[in-house]
Amino acid sequence: MTKEDKKNACLYCKFRDEPFALYDEYAKRHGMRMKTLLVANALFYAKDGMTQTQLCRRTFQSKQTVNVIIRNLLAGRCVTVTEAPENKRNKIVQMTETGRLCCERIVRHITWAEDTAMSRLSAEEQKQLVDLSRTFTKNLTLLVNQETED
């Protein structure tokens, strides 16, 4: 590994963390935590709702974190939780009309910002960004999950 590799890893992580800080500040500005924003975003676009497991996978959050967020959204009457018809152990979380009204402007704005930011890249740049981010994440996952640093 070269000095340049280390410098570029540091730069990449800085650039990766900057959008997280933007999401966090945006969520706080609208009276919520970033993780709640991620769940609200997922549920807003899932017209038929999602299971807690699907929400965990979609937002990369733990079951416990998603459960707390769902309980808070339930208390605010922003979501409903019903048994899945095919498996009563699974619960479907679905945004209520109240939840949709509360979140619509916030969720649609962040989605618009993401889509517009991406549209300002050429088709080739978009493909490169997605492909390289995917490859970096695969490499990082393998390395983080290995037991030794060889």
Protein backbone atom coordinates (compact mmCIF):
# COMPACT_ATOMS: atom_id res chain seq x y z
CA MET A 1 0.00 0.00 0.00
CA THR A 2 1.40 3.40 -1.01
CA LYS A 3 1.18 6.84 0.58
CA GLU A 4 -1.07 7.82 -2.32
CA ASP A 5 -3.42 4.89 -1.53
CA LYS A 6 -3.68 6.07 2.09
CA LYS A 7 -4.22 9.69 1.03
CA ASN A 8 -6.96 8.69 -1.42
CA ALA A 9 -8.66 6.44 1.15
CA CYS A 10 -8.73 9.37 3.55
CA LEU A 11 -10.13 11.70 0.88
CA TYR A 12 -12.76 9.18 -0.20
CA CYS A 13 -13.92 8.65 3.39
CA LYS A 14 -14.11 12.41 3.91
CA PHE A 15 -16.21 12.80 0.77
CA ARG A 16 -18.37 9.83 1.78
CA ASP A 17 -18.94 11.26 5.27
CA GLU A 18 -19.84 14.73 4.05
CA PRO A 19 -23.22 13.66 2.58
CA PHE A 20 -23.99 11.81 5.85
CA ALA A 21 -23.43 15.07 7.71
CA LEU A 22 -25.72 16.84 5.22
CA TYR A 23 -28.46 14.23 5.77
CA ASP A 24 -28.03 14.49 9.54
CA GLU A 25 -28.26 18.29 9.52
CA TYR A 26 -31.24 18.19 7.13
CA ALA A 27 -33.08 15.71 9.35
CA LYS A 28 -32.38 17.77 12.49
CA ARG A 29 -33.59 20.90 10.74
CA HIS A 30 -36.89 19.07 10.26
CA GLY A 31 -37.11 17.78 13.82
CA MET A 32 -35.97 14.21 13.33
CA ARG A 33 -32.90 12.04 13.48
CA MET A 34 -31.16 10.93 10.31
CA LYS A 35 -32.03 7.27 10.92
CA THR A 36 -35.70 8.23 11.23
CA LEU A 37 -35.43 10.14 7.96
CA LEU A 38 -34.04 7.02 6.26
CA VAL A 39 -36.95 4.90 7.54
CA ALA A 40 -39.52 7.58 6.67
CA ASN A 41 -38.03 7.83 3.18
CA ALA A 42 -38.23 4.07 2.65
CA LEU A 43 -41.81 3.88 3.93
CA PHE A 44 -42.95 6.94 1.99
CA TYR A 45 -42.11 5.27 -1.33
CA ALA A 46 -43.30 1.77 -0.27
CA LYS A 47 -47.00 2.15 -1.03
CA ASP A 48 -47.81 -1.33 0.31
CA GLY A 49 -45.51 -0.97 3.31
CA MET A 50 -42.49 -3.03 4.31
CA THR A 51 -41.60 -5.55 6.96
CA GLN A 52 -39.18 -4.59 9.70
CA THR A 53 -36.61 -6.93 8.11
CA GLN A 54 -37.00 -5.16 4.77
CA LEU A 55 -36.56 -1.80 6.49
CA CYS A 56 -33.38 -3.03 8.18
CA ARG A 57 -31.95 -4.21 4.87
CA ARG A 58 -33.00 -1.08 3.01
CA THR A 59 -31.66 1.40 5.59
CA PHE A 60 -28.67 -0.67 6.83
CA GLN A 61 -29.86 -0.33 10.42
CA SER A 62 -30.19 -2.85 13.22
CA LYS A 63 -33.49 -4.48 14.11
CA GLN A 64 -33.43 -2.73 17.48
CA THR A 65 -32.92 0.71 15.92
CA VAL A 66 -35.70 0.17 13.38
CA ASN A 67 -37.99 -1.13 16.12
CA VAL A 68 -37.45 2.03 18.22
CA ILE A 69 -38.08 4.25 15.19
CA ILE A 70 -41.27 2.34 14.34
CA ARG A 71 -42.51 2.67 17.94
CA ASN A 72 -41.89 6.43 17.80
CA LEU A 73 -43.64 6.72 14.44
CA LEU A 74 -46.54 4.66 15.80
CA ALA A 75 -46.85 7.00 18.78
CA GLY A 76 -47.02 9.92 16.36
CA ARG A 77 -49.63 8.08 14.30
CA CYS A 78 -47.34 8.23 11.28
CA VAL A 79 -47.39 4.47 10.63
CA THR A 80 -49.53 1.42 11.16
CA VAL A 81 -48.28 -2.07 11.91
CA THR A 82 -50.34 -5.04 10.75
CA GLU A 83 -49.77 -8.77 10.45
CA ALA A 84 -48.63 -10.00 7.08
CA PRO A 85 -51.31 -12.27 5.60
CA GLU A 86 -48.83 -14.96 4.51
CA ASN A 87 -46.91 -15.05 7.81
CA LYS A 88 -48.49 -13.60 10.94
CA ARG A 89 -45.08 -13.35 12.62
CA ASN A 90 -44.09 -10.72 10.06
CA LYS A 91 -45.53 -7.28 10.55
CA ILE A 92 -46.12 -4.84 7.71
CA VAL A 93 -45.22 -1.26 8.54
CA GLN A 94 -47.08 1.22 6.40
CA MET A 95 -47.16 5.01 6.44
CA THR A 96 -50.50 6.54 7.37
CA GLU A 97 -52.03 9.52 5.63
CA THR A 98 -50.90 11.61 8.63
CA GLY A 99 -47.37 10.28 8.21
CA ARG A 100 -47.41 10.96 4.48
CA LEU A 101 -48.55 14.54 5.08
CA CYS A 102 -45.89 15.09 7.76
CA CYS A 103 -43.06 13.61 5.68
CA GLU A 104 -43.98 14.41 2.11
CA ARG A 105 -42.21 17.75 1.75
CA ILE A 106 -39.13 16.55 3.65
CA VAL A 107 -38.80 13.25 1.78
CA ARG A 108 -39.61 14.63 -1.65
CA HIS A 109 -37.09 17.46 -1.23
CA ILE A 110 -34.21 15.17 -0.25
CA THR A 111 -35.10 12.81 -3.12
CA TRP A 112 -35.21 15.73 -5.53
CA ALA A 113 -31.80 16.92 -4.29
CA GLU A 114 -30.27 13.44 -4.72
CA ASP A 115 -31.76 12.98 -8.19
CA THR A 116 -30.75 16.46 -9.31
CA ALA A 117 -27.20 16.10 -7.97
CA MET A 118 -26.86 12.83 -9.88
CA SER A 119 -28.35 14.35 -13.05
CA ARG A 120 -25.57 16.93 -13.04
CA LEU A 121 -23.10 14.13 -13.78
CA SER A 122 -22.81 12.72 -17.27
CA ALA A 123 -24.15 9.22 -17.90
CA GLU A 124 -20.57 7.90 -17.90
CA GLU A 125 -19.74 9.70 -14.64
CA GLN A 126 -22.89 8.27 -13.04
CA LYS A 127 -21.90 4.76 -14.10
CA GLN A 128 -18.35 5.23 -12.84
CA LEU A 129 -19.55 6.61 -9.51
CA VAL A 130 -21.94 3.70 -8.95
CA ASP A 131 -19.49 1.03 -10.16
CA LEU A 132 -16.54 2.33 -8.17
CA SER A 133 -18.61 2.88 -5.02
CA ARG A 134 -19.93 -0.68 -5.30
CA THR A 135 -16.41 -2.08 -5.77
CA PHE A 136 -14.99 -0.05 -2.88
CA THR A 137 -17.81 -1.23 -0.59
CA LYS A 138 -17.27 -4.89 -1.59
CA ASN A 139 -13.53 -4.59 -0.91
CA LEU A 140 -14.11 -2.79 2.38
CA THR A 141 -16.66 -5.40 3.50
CA LEU A 142 -14.25 -8.25 2.81
CA LEU A 143 -11.39 -6.51 4.62
CA VAL A 144 -13.41 -5.40 7.63
CA ASN A 145 -14.76 -8.92 8.07
CA GLN A 146 -11.42 -10.70 7.87
CA GLU A 147 -9.72 -11.44 11.15
CA THR A 148 -6.16 -10.34 10.31
CA GLU A 149 -4.49 -7.47 8.50
CA ASP A 150 -2.33 -9.37 6.04
